[in-house]
N, C-alpha and C. Protein backbone atom coordinates (compact mmCIF):
# COMPACT_ATOMS: atom_id res chain seq x y z
N MET A 1 180.03 -4.56 -65.41
CA MET A 1 178.83 -4.85 -66.15
C MET A 1 177.62 -4.07 -65.53
N LYS A 2 177.56 -3.94 -64.19
CA LYS A 2 176.48 -3.24 -63.59
C LYS A 2 176.51 -1.77 -64.02
N MET A 3 177.70 -1.20 -64.10
CA MET A 3 177.85 0.22 -64.48
C MET A 3 177.36 0.43 -65.92
N LYS A 4 177.70 -0.51 -66.77
CA LYS A 4 177.25 -0.40 -68.19
C LYS A 4 175.74 -0.50 -68.31
N SER A 5 175.12 -1.39 -67.54
CA SER A 5 173.70 -1.58 -67.55
C SER A 5 173.02 -0.32 -66.99
N MET A 6 173.54 0.26 -65.94
CA MET A 6 172.99 1.49 -65.40
C MET A 6 173.05 2.65 -66.39
N LEU A 7 174.18 2.74 -67.10
CA LEU A 7 174.40 3.83 -68.04
C LEU A 7 173.39 3.67 -69.16
N VAL A 8 173.16 2.46 -69.67
CA VAL A 8 172.15 2.23 -70.71
C VAL A 8 170.78 2.61 -70.23
N ALA A 9 170.42 2.25 -68.97
CA ALA A 9 169.10 2.56 -68.41
C ALA A 9 168.91 4.05 -68.31
N VAL A 10 169.93 4.77 -67.86
CA VAL A 10 169.90 6.22 -67.72
C VAL A 10 169.66 6.91 -69.04
N LEU A 11 170.46 6.45 -70.05
CA LEU A 11 170.35 7.02 -71.42
C LEU A 11 168.98 6.71 -71.98
N PHE A 12 168.44 5.56 -71.74
CA PHE A 12 167.11 5.21 -72.22
C PHE A 12 166.09 6.15 -71.64
N LEU A 13 166.14 6.31 -70.34
CA LEU A 13 165.20 7.20 -69.65
C LEU A 13 165.28 8.65 -70.11
N LEU A 14 166.51 9.10 -70.33
CA LEU A 14 166.74 10.46 -70.80
C LEU A 14 166.17 10.62 -72.21
N GLY A 15 166.39 9.61 -73.05
CA GLY A 15 165.86 9.68 -74.42
C GLY A 15 164.35 9.62 -74.44
N ALA A 16 163.74 8.80 -73.56
CA ALA A 16 162.29 8.71 -73.53
C ALA A 16 161.71 10.04 -73.01
N THR A 17 162.37 10.67 -72.06
CA THR A 17 161.89 11.92 -71.55
C THR A 17 161.90 13.00 -72.66
N LEU A 18 162.97 13.06 -73.44
CA LEU A 18 163.06 14.04 -74.47
C LEU A 18 162.01 13.77 -75.59
N CYS A 19 161.80 12.50 -75.91
CA CYS A 19 160.86 12.13 -76.95
C CYS A 19 159.42 12.49 -76.53
N PHE A 20 159.13 12.33 -75.23
CA PHE A 20 157.77 12.56 -74.78
C PHE A 20 157.67 13.82 -73.96
N SER A 21 158.54 14.80 -74.17
CA SER A 21 158.55 16.01 -73.42
C SER A 21 157.21 16.69 -73.64
N ALA A 22 156.78 17.43 -72.65
CA ALA A 22 155.49 18.08 -72.69
C ALA A 22 155.34 19.06 -73.83
N ASP A 23 154.17 19.08 -74.42
CA ASP A 23 153.84 20.06 -75.47
C ASP A 23 153.72 21.41 -74.78
N VAL A 24 154.60 22.39 -75.25
CA VAL A 24 154.65 23.70 -74.59
C VAL A 24 153.36 24.48 -74.83
N ASN A 25 152.50 24.03 -75.74
CA ASN A 25 151.24 24.69 -75.93
C ASN A 25 150.17 24.37 -74.91
N MET A 26 150.37 23.22 -74.26
CA MET A 26 149.34 22.74 -73.32
C MET A 26 149.07 23.71 -72.19
N GLY A 27 147.83 23.83 -71.81
CA GLY A 27 147.45 24.70 -70.71
C GLY A 27 146.49 25.79 -71.15
N THR A 28 146.26 26.73 -70.27
CA THR A 28 145.33 27.86 -70.52
C THR A 28 146.11 29.09 -70.78
N TRP A 29 145.77 29.83 -71.77
CA TRP A 29 146.42 31.11 -72.20
C TRP A 29 145.39 32.25 -72.16
N LYS A 30 145.76 33.36 -71.56
CA LYS A 30 144.88 34.53 -71.50
C LYS A 30 145.46 35.64 -72.33
N LEU A 31 144.58 36.34 -73.02
CA LEU A 31 144.98 37.42 -73.90
C LEU A 31 145.59 38.58 -73.08
N ASN A 32 146.70 39.08 -73.49
CA ASN A 32 147.32 40.27 -72.92
C ASN A 32 147.07 41.42 -73.93
N GLU A 33 145.98 42.16 -73.75
CA GLU A 33 145.59 43.15 -74.73
C GLU A 33 146.61 44.26 -74.82
N ALA A 34 147.27 44.60 -73.72
CA ALA A 34 148.26 45.69 -73.70
C ALA A 34 149.44 45.40 -74.70
N LYS A 35 149.77 44.17 -74.87
CA LYS A 35 150.92 43.79 -75.74
C LYS A 35 150.47 43.37 -77.12
N SER A 36 149.13 43.29 -77.34
CA SER A 36 148.62 42.82 -78.62
C SER A 36 148.27 43.98 -79.59
N LYS A 37 148.24 43.63 -80.86
CA LYS A 37 147.83 44.59 -81.87
C LYS A 37 146.71 43.89 -82.65
N LEU A 38 145.46 44.11 -82.18
CA LEU A 38 144.30 43.38 -82.67
C LEU A 38 143.56 44.17 -83.72
N SER A 39 143.09 43.46 -84.78
CA SER A 39 142.26 44.10 -85.80
C SER A 39 140.84 44.18 -85.25
N PRO A 40 140.19 45.38 -85.40
CA PRO A 40 138.85 45.52 -84.90
C PRO A 40 137.82 44.70 -85.71
N THR A 41 138.22 44.21 -86.90
CA THR A 41 137.32 43.45 -87.73
C THR A 41 137.45 41.95 -87.53
N MET A 42 138.28 41.52 -86.57
CA MET A 42 138.44 40.11 -86.30
C MET A 42 138.03 39.83 -84.83
N ALA A 43 137.66 38.57 -84.58
CA ALA A 43 137.29 38.19 -83.25
C ALA A 43 138.44 38.40 -82.26
N LYS A 44 138.10 38.68 -81.00
CA LYS A 44 139.09 38.82 -79.93
C LYS A 44 138.97 37.57 -79.05
N ASN A 45 139.97 36.71 -79.19
CA ASN A 45 139.96 35.48 -78.40
C ASN A 45 140.64 35.76 -77.06
N HIS A 46 139.89 35.79 -75.94
CA HIS A 46 140.50 36.15 -74.67
C HIS A 46 141.03 34.97 -73.91
N THR A 47 140.54 33.75 -74.17
CA THR A 47 141.06 32.57 -73.44
C THR A 47 141.21 31.42 -74.45
N VAL A 48 142.35 30.74 -74.45
CA VAL A 48 142.59 29.56 -75.30
C VAL A 48 143.13 28.46 -74.46
N THR A 49 142.58 27.30 -74.57
CA THR A 49 143.05 26.18 -73.67
C THR A 49 143.40 24.97 -74.61
N TYR A 50 144.57 24.46 -74.43
CA TYR A 50 145.06 23.23 -75.11
C TYR A 50 145.07 22.15 -74.04
N GLU A 51 144.51 20.97 -74.43
CA GLU A 51 144.55 19.83 -73.54
C GLU A 51 144.60 18.56 -74.33
N ALA A 52 145.19 17.50 -73.69
CA ALA A 52 145.29 16.19 -74.35
C ALA A 52 143.94 15.62 -74.50
N ALA A 53 143.68 14.93 -75.61
CA ALA A 53 142.40 14.18 -75.81
C ALA A 53 142.79 12.89 -76.52
N ASP A 54 143.02 11.88 -75.68
CA ASP A 54 143.57 10.60 -76.19
C ASP A 54 144.87 10.86 -76.92
N ASP A 55 144.95 10.48 -78.16
CA ASP A 55 146.21 10.70 -78.91
C ASP A 55 146.16 11.99 -79.76
N SER A 56 145.21 12.86 -79.45
CA SER A 56 145.05 14.16 -80.10
C SER A 56 145.16 15.29 -79.16
N VAL A 57 144.91 16.52 -79.69
CA VAL A 57 144.89 17.71 -78.87
C VAL A 57 143.52 18.39 -79.06
N LYS A 58 142.97 18.87 -77.99
CA LYS A 58 141.70 19.58 -78.02
C LYS A 58 142.01 21.09 -77.69
N VAL A 59 141.55 21.96 -78.61
CA VAL A 59 141.75 23.40 -78.39
C VAL A 59 140.40 24.04 -78.22
N SER A 60 140.19 24.71 -77.07
CA SER A 60 138.96 25.42 -76.82
C SER A 60 139.23 26.91 -76.80
N VAL A 61 138.44 27.69 -77.50
CA VAL A 61 138.64 29.15 -77.56
C VAL A 61 137.40 29.87 -77.12
N ASP A 62 137.54 30.89 -76.23
CA ASP A 62 136.47 31.71 -75.80
C ASP A 62 136.83 33.17 -76.16
N GLY A 63 135.85 33.87 -76.76
CA GLY A 63 136.16 35.23 -77.15
C GLY A 63 134.96 36.03 -77.45
N VAL A 64 135.12 37.10 -78.21
CA VAL A 64 134.06 38.01 -78.59
C VAL A 64 134.16 38.29 -80.05
N SER A 65 133.06 38.24 -80.80
CA SER A 65 133.06 38.55 -82.22
C SER A 65 133.20 40.04 -82.39
N PRO A 66 133.48 40.50 -83.62
CA PRO A 66 133.60 41.97 -83.89
C PRO A 66 132.34 42.69 -83.56
N ASN A 67 131.16 42.02 -83.60
CA ASN A 67 129.93 42.68 -83.28
C ASN A 67 129.53 42.54 -81.79
N GLY A 68 130.45 42.04 -81.00
CA GLY A 68 130.23 41.97 -79.52
C GLY A 68 129.57 40.76 -78.95
N LYS A 69 129.34 39.76 -79.80
CA LYS A 69 128.70 38.51 -79.34
C LYS A 69 129.75 37.55 -78.79
N ASP A 70 129.43 36.82 -77.69
CA ASP A 70 130.36 35.85 -77.15
C ASP A 70 130.47 34.68 -78.13
N ILE A 71 131.69 34.16 -78.28
CA ILE A 71 131.87 32.96 -79.14
C ILE A 71 132.72 31.93 -78.41
N HIS A 72 132.44 30.68 -78.72
CA HIS A 72 133.16 29.56 -78.14
C HIS A 72 133.35 28.55 -79.29
N SER A 73 134.62 28.17 -79.53
CA SER A 73 134.85 27.17 -80.56
C SER A 73 135.73 26.06 -79.94
N GLU A 74 135.62 24.88 -80.58
CA GLU A 74 136.40 23.71 -80.18
C GLU A 74 136.94 23.01 -81.39
N TRP A 75 138.13 22.55 -81.30
CA TRP A 75 138.82 21.75 -82.35
C TRP A 75 139.57 20.62 -81.67
N THR A 76 139.48 19.45 -82.20
CA THR A 76 140.23 18.32 -81.77
C THR A 76 140.89 17.66 -82.95
N GLY A 77 142.18 17.48 -82.85
CA GLY A 77 142.94 16.88 -83.92
C GLY A 77 144.39 16.73 -83.61
N LYS A 78 145.20 16.59 -84.65
CA LYS A 78 146.63 16.36 -84.45
C LYS A 78 147.41 17.48 -85.17
N TYR A 79 148.64 17.63 -84.79
CA TYR A 79 149.50 18.63 -85.44
C TYR A 79 150.13 18.04 -86.72
N ASP A 80 149.28 17.47 -87.59
CA ASP A 80 149.81 16.77 -88.74
C ASP A 80 149.50 17.51 -90.06
N GLY A 81 148.96 18.72 -89.97
CA GLY A 81 148.69 19.47 -91.17
C GLY A 81 147.39 19.08 -91.91
N LYS A 82 146.62 18.13 -91.40
CA LYS A 82 145.41 17.72 -91.99
C LYS A 82 144.23 18.50 -91.42
N ASP A 83 143.17 18.68 -92.23
CA ASP A 83 141.99 19.36 -91.80
C ASP A 83 141.18 18.54 -90.79
N TYR A 84 140.83 19.13 -89.67
CA TYR A 84 139.88 18.58 -88.71
C TYR A 84 138.75 19.54 -88.48
N PRO A 85 137.53 19.04 -88.21
CA PRO A 85 136.44 19.94 -88.08
C PRO A 85 136.54 20.82 -86.83
N VAL A 86 136.01 22.03 -86.87
CA VAL A 86 135.95 22.90 -85.74
C VAL A 86 134.49 23.30 -85.59
N THR A 87 134.04 23.37 -84.34
CA THR A 87 132.67 23.81 -84.07
C THR A 87 132.65 25.15 -83.39
N GLY A 88 131.62 25.92 -83.67
CA GLY A 88 131.42 27.18 -82.96
C GLY A 88 132.18 28.40 -83.58
N ASP A 89 132.91 28.19 -84.63
CA ASP A 89 133.66 29.29 -85.24
C ASP A 89 132.91 29.75 -86.51
N PRO A 90 132.33 30.93 -86.53
CA PRO A 90 131.60 31.37 -87.69
C PRO A 90 132.49 31.60 -88.92
N THR A 91 133.77 31.72 -88.75
CA THR A 91 134.65 32.01 -89.89
C THR A 91 135.34 30.76 -90.49
N SER A 92 135.27 29.65 -89.81
CA SER A 92 135.91 28.44 -90.34
C SER A 92 135.17 27.19 -89.93
N ASP A 93 135.25 26.16 -90.81
CA ASP A 93 134.60 24.89 -90.39
C ASP A 93 135.66 23.77 -90.27
N THR A 94 136.91 24.10 -90.68
CA THR A 94 138.01 23.17 -90.42
C THR A 94 139.26 23.99 -90.06
N ARG A 95 140.14 23.36 -89.30
CA ARG A 95 141.47 23.93 -88.97
C ARG A 95 142.50 22.78 -89.17
N ALA A 96 143.65 23.21 -89.57
CA ALA A 96 144.76 22.25 -89.74
C ALA A 96 145.99 22.84 -89.02
N TYR A 97 146.46 22.16 -87.99
CA TYR A 97 147.67 22.57 -87.28
C TYR A 97 148.86 21.76 -87.74
N LYS A 98 149.96 22.37 -87.84
CA LYS A 98 151.22 21.69 -88.20
C LYS A 98 152.32 22.18 -87.26
N ARG A 99 153.07 21.21 -86.67
CA ARG A 99 154.21 21.60 -85.83
C ARG A 99 155.36 21.97 -86.68
N ILE A 100 155.91 23.16 -86.52
CA ILE A 100 157.10 23.63 -87.22
C ILE A 100 158.33 23.20 -86.38
N ASN A 101 158.30 23.45 -85.13
CA ASN A 101 159.31 23.00 -84.19
C ASN A 101 158.68 22.98 -82.78
N ARG A 102 159.42 22.70 -81.77
CA ARG A 102 158.88 22.55 -80.40
C ARG A 102 158.06 23.74 -79.94
N HIS A 103 158.44 24.93 -80.39
CA HIS A 103 157.81 26.19 -79.94
C HIS A 103 156.88 26.84 -80.95
N THR A 104 156.75 26.27 -82.20
CA THR A 104 156.08 26.98 -83.24
C THR A 104 155.05 26.02 -83.90
N LEU A 105 153.82 26.55 -84.07
CA LEU A 105 152.78 25.84 -84.79
C LEU A 105 152.29 26.72 -85.90
N ALA A 106 151.93 26.09 -87.04
CA ALA A 106 151.27 26.81 -88.14
C ALA A 106 149.84 26.31 -88.19
N LEU A 107 148.89 27.24 -88.38
CA LEU A 107 147.49 26.89 -88.40
C LEU A 107 146.88 27.51 -89.67
N THR A 108 145.98 26.68 -90.30
CA THR A 108 145.25 27.15 -91.46
C THR A 108 143.79 26.91 -91.19
N GLY A 109 143.03 27.99 -91.34
CA GLY A 109 141.57 27.90 -91.16
C GLY A 109 140.85 27.93 -92.55
N LYS A 110 139.85 27.08 -92.70
CA LYS A 110 139.13 27.03 -93.99
C LYS A 110 137.64 27.11 -93.73
N LYS A 111 136.91 27.73 -94.67
CA LYS A 111 135.48 27.74 -94.66
C LYS A 111 135.07 27.25 -96.04
N ASN A 112 134.20 26.22 -96.05
CA ASN A 112 133.77 25.57 -97.29
C ASN A 112 134.95 25.19 -98.21
N GLY A 113 136.00 24.70 -97.60
CA GLY A 113 137.20 24.18 -98.28
C GLY A 113 138.15 25.29 -98.81
N LYS A 114 137.84 26.50 -98.53
CA LYS A 114 138.69 27.65 -99.00
C LYS A 114 139.46 28.24 -97.85
N ILE A 115 140.74 28.39 -97.95
CA ILE A 115 141.56 29.04 -96.91
C ILE A 115 141.13 30.46 -96.70
N ASN A 116 140.84 30.77 -95.40
CA ASN A 116 140.48 32.16 -95.12
C ASN A 116 141.36 32.74 -94.00
N SER A 117 142.21 31.98 -93.42
CA SER A 117 143.18 32.51 -92.46
C SER A 117 144.35 31.60 -92.30
N THR A 118 145.51 32.17 -92.01
CA THR A 118 146.71 31.42 -91.64
C THR A 118 147.27 32.09 -90.40
N MET A 119 147.77 31.26 -89.54
CA MET A 119 148.29 31.73 -88.25
C MET A 119 149.65 31.07 -87.95
N ARG A 120 150.47 31.81 -87.24
CA ARG A 120 151.75 31.33 -86.71
C ARG A 120 151.68 31.50 -85.19
N ILE A 121 151.80 30.42 -84.44
CA ILE A 121 151.73 30.45 -83.01
C ILE A 121 153.12 30.12 -82.49
N VAL A 122 153.72 31.06 -81.76
CA VAL A 122 155.10 30.90 -81.28
C VAL A 122 155.10 31.05 -79.76
N VAL A 123 155.47 30.00 -79.03
CA VAL A 123 155.64 30.07 -77.60
C VAL A 123 157.03 30.51 -77.27
N ALA A 124 157.15 31.46 -76.37
CA ALA A 124 158.41 32.00 -75.94
C ALA A 124 159.28 30.87 -75.32
N PRO A 125 160.64 31.00 -75.43
CA PRO A 125 161.47 30.01 -74.84
C PRO A 125 161.16 29.75 -73.34
N SER A 126 160.72 30.78 -72.64
CA SER A 126 160.40 30.62 -71.20
C SER A 126 159.15 29.85 -70.98
N GLY A 127 158.30 29.76 -72.05
CA GLY A 127 157.00 29.00 -71.91
C GLY A 127 155.96 29.84 -71.24
N LYS A 128 156.24 31.09 -70.91
CA LYS A 128 155.29 31.92 -70.15
C LYS A 128 154.37 32.78 -71.02
N SER A 129 154.71 32.88 -72.31
CA SER A 129 153.87 33.69 -73.19
C SER A 129 153.91 33.09 -74.61
N ARG A 130 152.97 33.46 -75.40
CA ARG A 130 152.97 33.07 -76.79
C ARG A 130 152.40 34.17 -77.68
N THR A 131 152.86 34.22 -78.90
CA THR A 131 152.38 35.24 -79.83
C THR A 131 151.67 34.55 -81.01
N VAL A 132 150.53 35.03 -81.32
CA VAL A 132 149.72 34.48 -82.48
C VAL A 132 149.58 35.54 -83.49
N THR A 133 150.18 35.31 -84.68
CA THR A 133 150.04 36.25 -85.81
C THR A 133 149.10 35.68 -86.80
N VAL A 134 148.03 36.43 -87.11
CA VAL A 134 146.97 36.00 -87.96
C VAL A 134 146.96 36.82 -89.22
N HIS A 135 146.86 36.12 -90.37
CA HIS A 135 146.67 36.76 -91.66
C HIS A 135 145.39 36.16 -92.23
N GLY A 136 144.44 37.05 -92.54
CA GLY A 136 143.13 36.54 -93.02
C GLY A 136 142.34 37.60 -93.74
N TRP A 137 141.08 37.30 -93.90
CA TRP A 137 140.18 38.21 -94.58
C TRP A 137 138.97 38.45 -93.71
N ASP A 138 138.46 39.65 -93.61
CA ASP A 138 137.30 39.89 -92.85
C ASP A 138 136.05 39.61 -93.63
N ALA A 139 134.85 39.89 -93.05
CA ALA A 139 133.60 39.56 -93.67
C ALA A 139 133.38 40.27 -95.04
N GLN A 140 134.06 41.39 -95.20
CA GLN A 140 133.96 42.19 -96.43
C GLN A 140 135.01 41.76 -97.46
N GLY A 141 135.83 40.79 -97.17
CA GLY A 141 136.84 40.31 -98.04
C GLY A 141 138.16 41.13 -98.03
N LYS A 142 138.25 42.00 -97.05
CA LYS A 142 139.46 42.84 -96.94
C LYS A 142 140.53 42.07 -96.17
N LYS A 143 141.77 42.08 -96.67
CA LYS A 143 142.89 41.38 -95.98
C LYS A 143 143.19 42.10 -94.67
N VAL A 144 143.34 41.35 -93.61
CA VAL A 144 143.64 41.88 -92.30
C VAL A 144 144.73 41.07 -91.64
N THR A 145 145.46 41.76 -90.78
CA THR A 145 146.53 41.08 -89.96
C THR A 145 146.27 41.44 -88.48
N SER A 146 146.47 40.54 -87.65
CA SER A 146 146.30 40.79 -86.21
C SER A 146 147.48 40.02 -85.46
N MET A 147 147.88 40.59 -84.38
CA MET A 147 148.91 39.97 -83.50
C MET A 147 148.43 39.91 -82.05
N ALA A 148 148.27 38.76 -81.54
CA ALA A 148 147.76 38.66 -80.18
C ALA A 148 148.85 37.97 -79.29
N VAL A 149 149.06 38.55 -78.12
CA VAL A 149 150.00 38.00 -77.13
C VAL A 149 149.18 37.39 -75.99
N TYR A 150 149.58 36.20 -75.58
CA TYR A 150 148.88 35.52 -74.52
C TYR A 150 149.84 35.13 -73.45
N ASP A 151 149.39 35.20 -72.18
CA ASP A 151 150.16 34.81 -71.04
C ASP A 151 149.67 33.46 -70.52
N LYS A 152 150.58 32.54 -70.20
CA LYS A 152 150.29 31.26 -69.63
C LYS A 152 149.67 31.42 -68.20
N GLN A 153 148.62 30.69 -67.94
CA GLN A 153 148.00 30.76 -66.66
C GLN A 153 148.44 29.63 -65.75
């Protein structure tokens, strides 16, 4: 009976660990410009930080706009595909993140309710890097694509 109880306890702990495994996006990510293919008409986000905020996620982004001005944006929400407000981003006022799988997120940015960018964020199996592919429109309405590679700090 003791063996059976111990086995149940071990299986429970293993299941709980898998259910609550760490979000591979959490932490600070630095842009690796050498591996990236950035559009000159889009912002260059050099540092992105994901952190827990109660039952949500807070994403802070520091970068440089196409005209050379420093930018800082913050978003707090869930990976549920719903729009949550973003502050400090001149190109969007809401973002919606959706978890595709453990290593992949989809992000939609909107300005005044209209989609202006979509992104796919893929963390490498090693957890040491991630690739962000952006499809959007620049200030002149021209469609642009950018691919940024980040290294985990």
